[in-house]
N, C-alpha and C. Protein backbone atom coordinates (compact mmCIF):
# COMPACT_ATOMS: atom_id res chain seq x y z
N MET A 1 97.52 24.51 -18.26
CA MET A 1 98.81 24.89 -18.80
C MET A 1 99.80 23.69 -18.73
N LYS A 2 99.72 22.97 -17.54
CA LYS A 2 100.59 21.79 -17.43
C LYS A 2 100.39 20.78 -18.51
N GLU A 3 99.09 20.51 -18.88
CA GLU A 3 98.84 19.62 -19.94
C GLU A 3 99.42 20.00 -21.31
N ILE A 4 99.27 21.32 -21.59
CA ILE A 4 99.81 21.73 -22.83
C ILE A 4 101.30 21.69 -22.96
N ASN A 5 102.01 22.02 -21.86
CA ASN A 5 103.47 21.76 -21.80
C ASN A 5 103.83 20.32 -21.95
N ASP A 6 103.05 19.39 -21.30
CA ASP A 6 103.31 17.98 -21.39
C ASP A 6 103.12 17.52 -22.80
N PHE A 7 102.07 18.00 -23.58
CA PHE A 7 101.81 17.73 -24.92
C PHE A 7 102.85 18.24 -25.80
N LEU A 8 103.37 19.43 -25.66
CA LEU A 8 104.41 19.87 -26.45
C LEU A 8 105.80 19.22 -26.26
N THR A 9 106.02 18.84 -24.99
CA THR A 9 107.19 18.13 -24.74
C THR A 9 107.18 16.77 -25.42
N LYS A 10 106.03 15.99 -25.24
CA LYS A 10 105.96 14.73 -25.94
C LYS A 10 106.02 14.76 -27.46
N LEU A 11 105.47 15.89 -28.01
CA LEU A 11 105.58 16.10 -29.43
C LEU A 11 107.00 16.27 -29.81
N SER A 12 107.81 16.96 -29.04
CA SER A 12 109.12 17.34 -29.39
C SER A 12 109.94 16.02 -29.27
N TYR A 13 109.70 15.05 -28.47
CA TYR A 13 110.48 13.81 -28.24
C TYR A 13 110.05 12.73 -29.33
N GLU A 14 108.93 12.92 -30.02
CA GLU A 14 108.56 11.98 -31.02
C GLU A 14 109.42 11.98 -32.15
N THR A 15 109.89 10.73 -32.61
CA THR A 15 110.68 10.65 -33.82
C THR A 15 109.79 10.50 -35.07
N TRP A 16 109.84 11.63 -35.81
CA TRP A 16 108.98 11.66 -37.02
C TRP A 16 109.46 11.07 -38.28
N ASP A 17 110.82 10.62 -38.18
CA ASP A 17 111.54 10.14 -39.33
C ASP A 17 110.77 8.82 -39.85
N THR A 18 110.43 7.99 -38.97
CA THR A 18 109.79 6.75 -39.43
C THR A 18 108.43 7.03 -40.11
N ILE A 19 107.84 8.12 -39.70
CA ILE A 19 106.48 8.39 -40.30
C ILE A 19 106.64 8.94 -41.64
N PHE A 20 107.65 9.79 -41.87
CA PHE A 20 107.74 10.48 -43.21
C PHE A 20 108.58 9.71 -44.10
N SER A 21 109.12 8.48 -43.72
CA SER A 21 109.89 7.70 -44.67
C SER A 21 109.04 6.82 -45.52
N LYS A 22 107.83 6.78 -45.30
CA LYS A 22 106.91 5.86 -46.06
C LYS A 22 106.72 6.44 -47.43
N ASP A 23 106.41 5.58 -48.37
CA ASP A 23 106.21 5.89 -49.78
C ASP A 23 104.72 6.34 -50.07
N ASP A 24 103.87 5.77 -49.40
CA ASP A 24 102.46 6.06 -49.66
C ASP A 24 101.96 7.13 -48.79
N VAL A 25 101.42 8.23 -49.30
CA VAL A 25 100.91 9.37 -48.66
C VAL A 25 99.78 8.99 -47.59
N ASN A 26 98.95 8.02 -47.98
CA ASN A 26 97.93 7.64 -47.04
C ASN A 26 98.42 6.98 -45.85
N LYS A 27 99.39 6.10 -46.02
CA LYS A 27 100.09 5.40 -44.89
C LYS A 27 100.81 6.46 -44.06
N MET A 28 101.40 7.32 -44.63
CA MET A 28 102.19 8.35 -43.95
C MET A 28 101.30 9.22 -43.12
N PHE A 29 100.10 9.64 -43.67
CA PHE A 29 99.12 10.33 -42.88
C PHE A 29 98.60 9.55 -41.75
N ASN A 30 98.21 8.38 -41.99
CA ASN A 30 97.58 7.51 -40.89
C ASN A 30 98.61 7.29 -39.82
N SER A 31 99.86 7.13 -40.18
CA SER A 31 100.86 6.89 -39.18
C SER A 31 101.12 8.03 -38.34
N PHE A 32 101.15 9.31 -39.03
CA PHE A 32 101.32 10.58 -38.30
C PHE A 32 100.07 10.79 -37.35
N LEU A 33 98.80 10.53 -37.92
CA LEU A 33 97.67 10.76 -37.14
C LEU A 33 97.60 9.92 -35.85
N ASP A 34 98.12 8.63 -36.04
CA ASP A 34 98.09 7.61 -34.89
C ASP A 34 99.06 8.14 -33.90
N SER A 35 100.27 8.56 -34.22
CA SER A 35 101.23 9.05 -33.32
C SER A 35 100.77 10.36 -32.63
N TYR A 36 100.21 11.16 -33.36
CA TYR A 36 99.73 12.48 -32.86
C TYR A 36 98.51 12.23 -31.83
N LEU A 37 97.62 11.48 -32.17
CA LEU A 37 96.54 11.19 -31.32
C LEU A 37 96.93 10.40 -30.09
N LYS A 38 97.81 9.58 -30.19
CA LYS A 38 98.38 8.81 -29.06
C LYS A 38 99.00 9.85 -28.01
N ILE A 39 99.70 10.78 -28.47
CA ILE A 39 100.29 11.80 -27.68
C ILE A 39 99.20 12.72 -27.13
N PHE A 40 98.30 13.10 -27.99
CA PHE A 40 97.30 14.01 -27.55
C PHE A 40 96.40 13.43 -26.42
N TYR A 41 95.91 12.18 -26.60
CA TYR A 41 95.11 11.58 -25.64
C TYR A 41 95.83 11.23 -24.32
N SER A 42 97.10 11.01 -24.38
CA SER A 42 97.87 10.86 -23.11
C SER A 42 98.12 12.13 -22.39
N SER A 43 98.12 13.17 -23.13
CA SER A 43 98.24 14.56 -22.45
C SER A 43 96.91 15.12 -22.05
N PHE A 44 95.93 14.90 -22.75
CA PHE A 44 94.54 15.41 -22.48
C PHE A 44 93.60 14.34 -22.48
N PRO A 45 93.59 13.54 -21.22
CA PRO A 45 92.62 12.42 -21.12
C PRO A 45 91.17 12.90 -21.12
N LEU A 46 90.25 12.11 -21.66
CA LEU A 46 88.93 12.34 -21.76
C LEU A 46 88.27 12.41 -20.35
N LYS A 47 87.42 13.36 -20.01
CA LYS A 47 86.77 13.44 -18.73
C LYS A 47 85.29 13.33 -18.89
N ARG A 48 84.60 12.59 -18.03
CA ARG A 48 83.17 12.47 -18.10
C ARG A 48 82.61 13.65 -17.35
N VAL A 49 81.61 14.25 -18.07
CA VAL A 49 81.02 15.48 -17.51
C VAL A 49 79.50 15.19 -17.37
N HIS A 50 78.89 15.42 -16.29
CA HIS A 50 77.56 15.22 -16.04
C HIS A 50 76.74 16.52 -16.28
N ILE A 51 75.96 16.66 -17.30
CA ILE A 51 75.51 17.98 -17.65
C ILE A 51 74.46 18.40 -16.56
N THR A 52 73.75 17.43 -15.94
CA THR A 52 72.76 17.83 -14.90
C THR A 52 73.43 18.58 -13.79
N LYS A 53 74.63 18.24 -13.35
CA LYS A 53 75.31 18.95 -12.21
C LYS A 53 75.68 20.30 -12.64
N LYS A 54 76.01 20.57 -14.00
CA LYS A 54 76.50 21.90 -14.41
C LYS A 54 75.22 22.81 -14.59
N ILE A 55 74.03 22.29 -14.92
CA ILE A 55 73.00 23.18 -15.17
C ILE A 55 71.98 23.24 -14.00
N LYS A 56 72.18 22.65 -12.97
CA LYS A 56 71.26 22.82 -11.83
C LYS A 56 71.33 24.21 -11.22
N ASN A 57 72.38 24.86 -11.35
CA ASN A 57 72.58 26.25 -10.81
C ASN A 57 71.83 27.25 -11.53
N LYS A 58 71.40 27.00 -12.77
CA LYS A 58 70.78 27.95 -13.70
C LYS A 58 69.24 27.92 -13.34
N ASN A 59 68.72 29.12 -12.94
CA ASN A 59 67.38 29.16 -12.50
C ASN A 59 66.41 29.12 -13.72
N TRP A 60 66.86 29.30 -14.94
CA TRP A 60 65.93 29.20 -16.03
C TRP A 60 65.68 27.77 -16.51
N ILE A 61 66.43 26.74 -16.03
CA ILE A 61 66.33 25.42 -16.57
C ILE A 61 65.05 24.79 -15.81
N THR A 62 64.10 24.43 -16.63
CA THR A 62 62.89 23.85 -16.08
C THR A 62 63.08 22.48 -15.84
N LEU A 63 62.18 21.88 -15.06
CA LEU A 63 62.24 20.40 -14.79
C LEU A 63 62.13 19.63 -16.10
N GLY A 64 61.35 20.18 -17.09
CA GLY A 64 61.19 19.48 -18.29
C GLY A 64 62.42 19.41 -19.13
N ILE A 65 63.32 20.55 -19.16
CA ILE A 65 64.51 20.52 -19.91
C ILE A 65 65.47 19.66 -19.19
N LEU A 66 65.52 19.62 -17.80
CA LEU A 66 66.42 18.74 -17.04
C LEU A 66 66.11 17.30 -17.33
N THR A 67 64.84 16.91 -17.32
CA THR A 67 64.39 15.54 -17.58
C THR A 67 64.80 15.26 -19.01
N SER A 68 64.63 16.16 -20.01
CA SER A 68 65.02 15.80 -21.41
C SER A 68 66.43 15.51 -21.57
N PHE A 69 67.36 16.21 -20.81
CA PHE A 69 68.76 15.98 -20.83
C PHE A 69 69.06 14.57 -20.32
N ASN A 70 68.35 14.25 -19.28
CA ASN A 70 68.64 12.94 -18.58
C ASN A 70 68.13 11.70 -19.44
N HIS A 71 67.11 11.93 -20.37
CA HIS A 71 66.56 10.86 -21.02
C HIS A 71 66.86 10.79 -22.44
N ALA A 72 67.86 11.57 -22.91
CA ALA A 72 68.20 11.44 -24.34
C ALA A 72 68.87 10.22 -24.66
N CYS A 73 68.58 9.64 -25.84
CA CYS A 73 69.14 8.39 -26.15
C CYS A 73 70.18 8.65 -27.24
N ARG A 74 71.36 9.22 -26.96
CA ARG A 74 72.28 9.57 -27.97
C ARG A 74 73.13 8.48 -28.28
N ASN A 75 73.36 7.30 -27.48
CA ASN A 75 74.29 6.25 -27.76
C ASN A 75 73.69 5.06 -28.25
N SER A 76 72.59 5.14 -28.89
CA SER A 76 71.82 3.99 -29.39
C SER A 76 72.30 3.62 -30.74
N HIS A 77 72.20 2.36 -31.15
CA HIS A 77 72.53 1.99 -32.50
C HIS A 77 71.33 1.81 -33.35
N ASN A 78 70.14 2.07 -32.90
CA ASN A 78 68.84 1.94 -33.52
C ASN A 78 68.74 3.16 -34.40
N ILE A 79 68.55 3.09 -35.74
CA ILE A 79 68.50 4.22 -36.63
C ILE A 79 67.35 5.10 -36.21
N ASP A 80 66.18 4.43 -35.93
CA ASP A 80 64.85 5.26 -35.63
C ASP A 80 65.08 6.02 -34.35
N LEU A 81 65.82 5.50 -33.35
CA LEU A 81 66.00 6.37 -32.24
C LEU A 81 67.11 7.53 -32.38
N ILE A 82 68.03 7.16 -33.22
CA ILE A 82 68.97 8.24 -33.57
C ILE A 82 68.34 9.36 -34.35
N ASN A 83 67.59 9.11 -35.26
CA ASN A 83 66.80 10.15 -36.10
C ASN A 83 65.81 10.92 -35.07
N HIS A 84 65.22 10.17 -34.32
CA HIS A 84 64.36 10.85 -33.23
C HIS A 84 65.10 11.73 -32.37
N TYR A 85 66.29 11.28 -31.94
CA TYR A 85 67.10 12.09 -31.08
C TYR A 85 67.56 13.36 -31.71
N LYS A 86 67.92 13.31 -33.00
CA LYS A 86 68.39 14.37 -33.77
C LYS A 86 67.24 15.49 -33.98
N ARG A 87 66.02 15.00 -34.22
CA ARG A 87 64.97 15.99 -34.28
C ARG A 87 64.63 16.51 -32.86
N TYR A 88 64.78 15.73 -31.85
CA TYR A 88 64.46 16.11 -30.59
C TYR A 88 65.47 17.13 -30.03
N ARG A 89 66.73 16.94 -30.38
CA ARG A 89 67.85 17.77 -29.97
C ARG A 89 67.60 19.24 -30.62
N LYS A 90 67.20 19.35 -31.86
CA LYS A 90 66.89 20.56 -32.46
C LYS A 90 65.80 21.32 -31.68
N ILE A 91 64.66 20.60 -31.34
CA ILE A 91 63.62 21.28 -30.56
C ILE A 91 64.05 21.61 -29.27
N LEU A 92 64.86 20.79 -28.60
CA LEU A 92 65.46 21.12 -27.26
C LEU A 92 66.32 22.35 -27.29
N SER A 93 67.18 22.46 -28.28
CA SER A 93 67.99 23.60 -28.33
C SER A 93 67.18 24.95 -28.50
N ILE A 94 66.08 24.82 -29.20
CA ILE A 94 65.25 25.98 -29.44
C ILE A 94 64.53 26.36 -28.06
N VAL A 95 64.17 25.29 -27.37
CA VAL A 95 63.55 25.61 -26.07
C VAL A 95 64.54 26.23 -25.04
N ILE A 96 65.69 25.70 -25.14
CA ILE A 96 66.76 26.22 -24.15
C ILE A 96 67.09 27.69 -24.49
N LYS A 97 67.20 28.01 -25.82
CA LYS A 97 67.39 29.44 -26.26
C LYS A 97 66.29 30.36 -25.63
N GLU A 98 64.99 29.96 -25.95
CA GLU A 98 63.95 30.65 -25.50
C GLU A 98 63.81 30.81 -24.05
N ALA A 99 64.13 29.82 -23.27
CA ALA A 99 64.19 29.90 -21.88
C ALA A 99 65.25 30.92 -21.42
N THR A 100 66.34 30.78 -22.02
CA THR A 100 67.41 31.78 -21.67
C THR A 100 67.05 33.25 -22.02
N LYS A 101 66.47 33.51 -23.11
CA LYS A 101 65.90 34.77 -23.57
C LYS A 101 64.87 35.23 -22.52
N LEU A 102 63.93 34.41 -22.21
CA LEU A 102 62.96 34.73 -21.19
C LEU A 102 63.47 35.12 -19.82
N ASN A 103 64.50 34.31 -19.43
CA ASN A 103 65.26 34.65 -18.18
C ASN A 103 65.86 35.98 -18.18
N ILE A 104 66.49 36.28 -19.22
CA ILE A 104 67.29 37.55 -19.33
C ILE A 104 66.21 38.72 -19.42
N GLN A 105 65.11 38.54 -20.10
CA GLN A 105 64.07 39.55 -20.11
C GLN A 105 63.45 39.83 -18.67
N ILE A 106 63.21 38.77 -17.92
CA ILE A 106 62.76 38.90 -16.61
C ILE A 106 63.73 39.68 -15.64
N LYS A 107 65.07 39.28 -15.83
CA LYS A 107 66.07 39.96 -15.12
C LYS A 107 66.14 41.43 -15.39
N LEU A 108 66.08 41.75 -16.74
CA LEU A 108 66.15 43.14 -17.04
C LEU A 108 64.88 43.97 -16.63
N LYS A 109 63.72 43.33 -16.65
CA LYS A 109 62.55 43.99 -16.19
C LYS A 109 62.52 44.14 -14.75
N ASN A 110 63.09 43.32 -13.96
CA ASN A 110 63.23 43.49 -12.46
C ASN A 110 64.37 44.40 -11.97
N ALA A 111 65.29 44.64 -12.95
CA ALA A 111 66.45 45.49 -12.60
C ALA A 111 66.12 47.03 -12.45
């Protein structure tokens, strides 16, 4: 909540006159977006989240799924690796959904 209030306060202090005084709509939009994002990122800084720490508590996560999360090559600039990752991600999401369903079925059966 503190971050939202900070964001709203910063937005209210921004002088928008210089942005909307431009003649070109594209320049106006780009200027607006730059100012808005500057305020947004200063109020809501990016945080690095480690997926493995979040999913370790879930008993349906297999070692294979955990390893797959750790070895995914999302940030590569190689087109072949990016395409491979996209196909792999689809398969991995199906595996996770099925593992979740199986876990729920086991819990319901044991209840």
